[in-house]
Amino acid sequence: MLNSEPDVALGPFSSPSARATPWASAWAVLAEAEVFWLSTVRPDGRPHVTPLLAAWSLGGMCFTTGSQERKARNLARNPHCVLTTGTNALTGVDVVIEGVAHTVDVRSEREQAVADFERKYGAHLTSPDGTWYRLGEAVIGGGVSLYRIEPTVGFAFGKLPTSSETRYTWSNR
């Protein structure tokens, strides 16, 4: 698990007047985003991208999937992946987290992650009318796989009016 904040550096493709996006601001984007895009690699080397729910928990980005879904099969062969989120506009900030995804098997950690998901997504997970109602029970019980991406590097891309590229690296790697 991450025990420290990342080092922050402004990238070379930033506007002359740009400033690095503080980690707290990038983390806020991760905390508020509802939809993320997970990129994995198929066994034949082709990319695979899929939208999903994700939440910062257990010191990294967590997401769920069925054990036979393409992303789970890809991660079993190659756990390196990229998770992205942001705006679908020319303004705002997009955030990219690169890292290694590991399954979370400890029940208490699964319970913590479910609590974080339910706090973030609310009625979508907790209401009988919610799209993903009872997902938490399936995660805790082990019927659905829970993954945690241990970040190795991250990026925040600030857009108009000033473009910026901020790189985050964690020194406890």
Protein backbone atom coordinates (compact mmCIF):
# COMPACT_ATOMS: atom_id res chain seq x y z
CA MET A 1 0.00 0.00 0.00
CA LEU A 2 1.07 3.55 -0.57
CA ASN A 3 2.40 5.15 2.57
CA SER A 4 3.47 8.44 1.08
CA GLU A 5 2.40 11.10 -1.35
CA PRO A 6 4.06 11.10 -4.75
CA ASP A 7 6.78 13.40 -5.97
CA VAL A 8 5.28 16.00 -8.30
CA ALA A 9 6.95 17.49 -11.39
CA LEU A 10 5.71 19.67 -14.23
CA GLY A 11 6.23 17.98 -17.59
CA PRO A 12 7.98 19.45 -20.65
CA PHE A 13 4.81 19.68 -22.76
CA SER A 14 3.21 22.27 -20.50
CA SER A 15 2.41 25.86 -21.41
CA PRO A 16 5.13 28.34 -20.35
CA SER A 17 2.91 29.78 -17.59
CA ALA A 18 1.67 26.38 -16.34
CA ARG A 19 2.10 25.08 -12.83
CA ALA A 20 2.13 21.48 -11.69
CA THR A 21 -1.22 20.13 -10.57
CA PRO A 22 -0.89 19.31 -6.85
CA TRP A 23 -1.50 15.66 -5.97
CA ALA A 24 -4.45 16.73 -3.78
CA SER A 25 -6.13 18.18 -6.88
CA ALA A 26 -5.51 15.05 -8.95
CA TRP A 27 -6.73 12.88 -6.09
CA ALA A 28 -9.91 15.00 -5.92
CA VAL A 29 -10.54 14.24 -9.60
CA LEU A 30 -10.14 10.52 -8.85
CA ALA A 31 -12.46 10.80 -5.85
CA GLU A 32 -15.20 12.64 -7.77
CA ALA A 33 -15.08 10.76 -11.08
CA GLU A 34 -17.82 8.24 -11.66
CA VAL A 35 -16.52 6.52 -14.80
CA PHE A 36 -12.99 5.28 -15.42
CA TRP A 37 -11.34 3.55 -18.38
CA LEU A 38 -9.14 0.54 -17.69
CA SER A 39 -6.51 -0.40 -20.30
CA THR A 40 -5.00 -3.88 -20.25
CA VAL A 41 -3.11 -6.02 -22.76
CA ARG A 42 -4.57 -9.14 -24.38
CA PRO A 43 -2.42 -12.29 -24.63
CA ASP A 44 -1.68 -11.54 -28.30
CA GLY A 45 -0.46 -8.02 -27.44
CA ARG A 46 -3.54 -6.10 -28.60
CA PRO A 47 -4.89 -3.46 -26.21
CA HIS A 48 -8.18 -3.82 -24.39
CA VAL A 49 -10.03 -0.84 -22.90
CA THR A 50 -13.23 -0.95 -20.88
CA PRO A 51 -15.24 1.52 -18.77
CA LEU A 52 -15.84 0.68 -15.12
CA LEU A 53 -16.44 2.01 -11.62
CA ALA A 54 -13.38 2.65 -9.45
CA ALA A 55 -12.60 4.11 -6.05
CA TRP A 56 -9.43 5.08 -4.21
CA SER A 57 -9.16 2.56 -1.38
CA LEU A 58 -6.47 0.53 0.36
CA GLY A 59 -3.80 2.95 -0.88
CA GLY A 60 -4.60 2.59 -4.58
CA MET A 61 -7.34 2.55 -7.18
CA CYS A 62 -9.75 -0.36 -6.76
CA PHE A 63 -12.18 -1.88 -9.25
CA THR A 64 -14.19 -5.09 -9.62
CA THR A 65 -14.71 -7.65 -12.36
CA GLY A 66 -15.87 -11.19 -12.92
CA SER A 67 -13.11 -13.77 -13.04
CA GLN A 68 -13.90 -14.73 -16.66
CA GLU A 69 -14.15 -11.20 -18.06
CA ARG A 70 -11.53 -10.15 -20.61
CA LYS A 71 -9.87 -7.64 -18.22
CA ALA A 72 -9.46 -10.31 -15.52
CA ARG A 73 -8.00 -12.78 -17.98
CA ASN A 74 -5.63 -10.10 -19.31
CA LEU A 75 -4.49 -9.13 -15.80
CA ALA A 76 -3.84 -12.78 -14.92
CA ARG A 77 -1.21 -12.84 -17.69
CA ASN A 78 0.07 -9.28 -17.36
CA PRO A 79 -0.92 -7.25 -14.27
CA HIS A 80 0.40 -3.95 -15.68
CA CYS A 81 -2.46 -1.61 -16.55
CA VAL A 82 -3.57 2.01 -16.90
CA LEU A 83 -6.65 3.63 -15.38
CA THR A 84 -7.84 6.98 -16.75
CA THR A 85 -10.60 9.46 -15.98
CA GLY A 86 -11.36 13.12 -16.44
CA THR A 87 -13.54 15.30 -18.56
CA ASN A 88 -14.85 14.79 -22.04
CA ALA A 89 -14.12 18.44 -22.81
CA LEU A 90 -11.27 20.78 -23.64
CA THR A 91 -11.35 22.19 -20.10
CA GLY A 92 -10.70 20.56 -16.74
CA VAL A 93 -8.18 17.91 -15.75
CA ASP A 94 -7.69 14.33 -16.92
CA VAL A 95 -5.86 11.90 -14.62
CA VAL A 96 -3.94 8.75 -15.56
CA ILE A 97 -2.74 6.14 -13.07
CA GLU A 98 -0.28 3.49 -14.27
CA GLY A 99 0.56 0.53 -12.11
CA VAL A 100 0.24 -3.12 -11.29
CA ALA A 101 -3.14 -4.63 -10.41
CA HIS A 102 -3.34 -7.26 -7.69
CA THR A 103 -6.39 -9.14 -6.47
CA VAL A 104 -7.47 -8.29 -2.95
CA ASP A 105 -8.12 -11.52 -1.08
CA VAL A 106 -8.14 -10.45 2.59
CA ARG A 107 -11.77 -10.19 3.74
CA SER A 108 -11.23 -7.12 5.95
CA GLU A 109 -9.63 -5.28 3.01
CA ARG A 110 -12.50 -6.30 0.73
CA GLU A 111 -14.94 -4.97 3.33
CA GLN A 112 -13.04 -1.66 3.50
CA ALA A 113 -13.03 -1.31 -0.28
CA VAL A 114 -16.76 -2.08 -0.48
CA ALA A 115 -17.43 0.59 2.16
CA ASP A 116 -15.41 3.08 0.10
CA PHE A 117 -17.29 2.13 -3.09
CA GLU A 118 -20.65 2.44 -1.34
CA ARG A 119 -19.69 5.82 0.10
CA LYS A 120 -18.69 7.03 -3.36
CA TYR A 121 -21.47 5.54 -5.50
CA GLY A 122 -24.29 5.53 -2.92
CA ALA A 123 -27.68 4.33 -4.13
CA HIS A 124 -26.20 2.82 -7.30
CA LEU A 125 -24.76 0.13 -5.00
CA THR A 126 -26.95 0.26 -1.90
CA SER A 127 -30.53 0.71 -3.16
CA PRO A 128 -32.63 -2.23 -4.40
CA ASP A 129 -33.26 -0.06 -7.48
CA GLY A 130 -29.54 0.55 -7.99
CA THR A 131 -27.82 -0.75 -11.10
CA TRP A 132 -25.13 -2.55 -9.07
CA TYR A 133 -27.23 -3.47 -6.01
CA ARG A 134 -25.65 -6.33 -4.03
CA LEU A 135 -22.28 -5.90 -5.74
CA GLY A 136 -20.77 -5.27 -2.30
CA GLU A 137 -22.02 -8.60 -1.01
CA ALA A 138 -20.58 -10.37 -4.05
CA VAL A 139 -17.20 -8.65 -3.57
CA ILE A 140 -17.02 -9.45 0.15
CA GLY A 141 -18.12 -13.03 -0.47
CA GLY A 142 -15.52 -13.51 -3.22
CA GLY A 143 -17.98 -14.04 -6.08
CA VAL A 144 -16.63 -10.94 -7.82
CA SER A 145 -12.91 -10.19 -8.06
CA LEU A 146 -11.61 -7.03 -6.43
CA TYR A 147 -8.39 -5.52 -7.77
CA ARG A 148 -6.19 -2.77 -6.38
CA ILE A 149 -3.85 -0.93 -8.70
CA GLU A 150 -0.63 -0.08 -6.91
CA PRO A 151 0.38 3.15 -8.66
CA THR A 152 3.87 3.45 -10.05
CA VAL A 153 3.40 6.67 -11.99
CA GLY A 154 0.52 9.04 -12.60
CA PHE A 155 -0.24 12.06 -14.73
CA ALA A 156 -2.60 15.01 -14.59
CA PHE A 157 -3.31 16.78 -17.87
CA GLY A 158 -4.66 20.27 -17.34
CA LYS A 159 -6.47 21.67 -20.35
CA LEU A 160 -7.69 25.08 -21.45
CA PRO A 161 -7.03 27.85 -20.67
CA THR A 162 -3.49 26.69 -19.73
CA SER A 163 -2.31 23.24 -20.67
CA SER A 164 -0.13 21.37 -18.22
CA GLU A 165 1.34 17.92 -17.87
CA THR A 166 2.11 16.89 -14.31
CA ARG A 167 3.94 13.65 -13.47
CA TYR A 168 3.54 11.87 -10.13
CA THR A 169 6.00 9.25 -8.97
CA TRP A 170 5.95 7.32 -5.72
CA SER A 171 9.33 6.91 -4.00
CA ASN A 172 8.33 3.83 -1.98
CA ARG A 173 8.59 1.56 -5.02
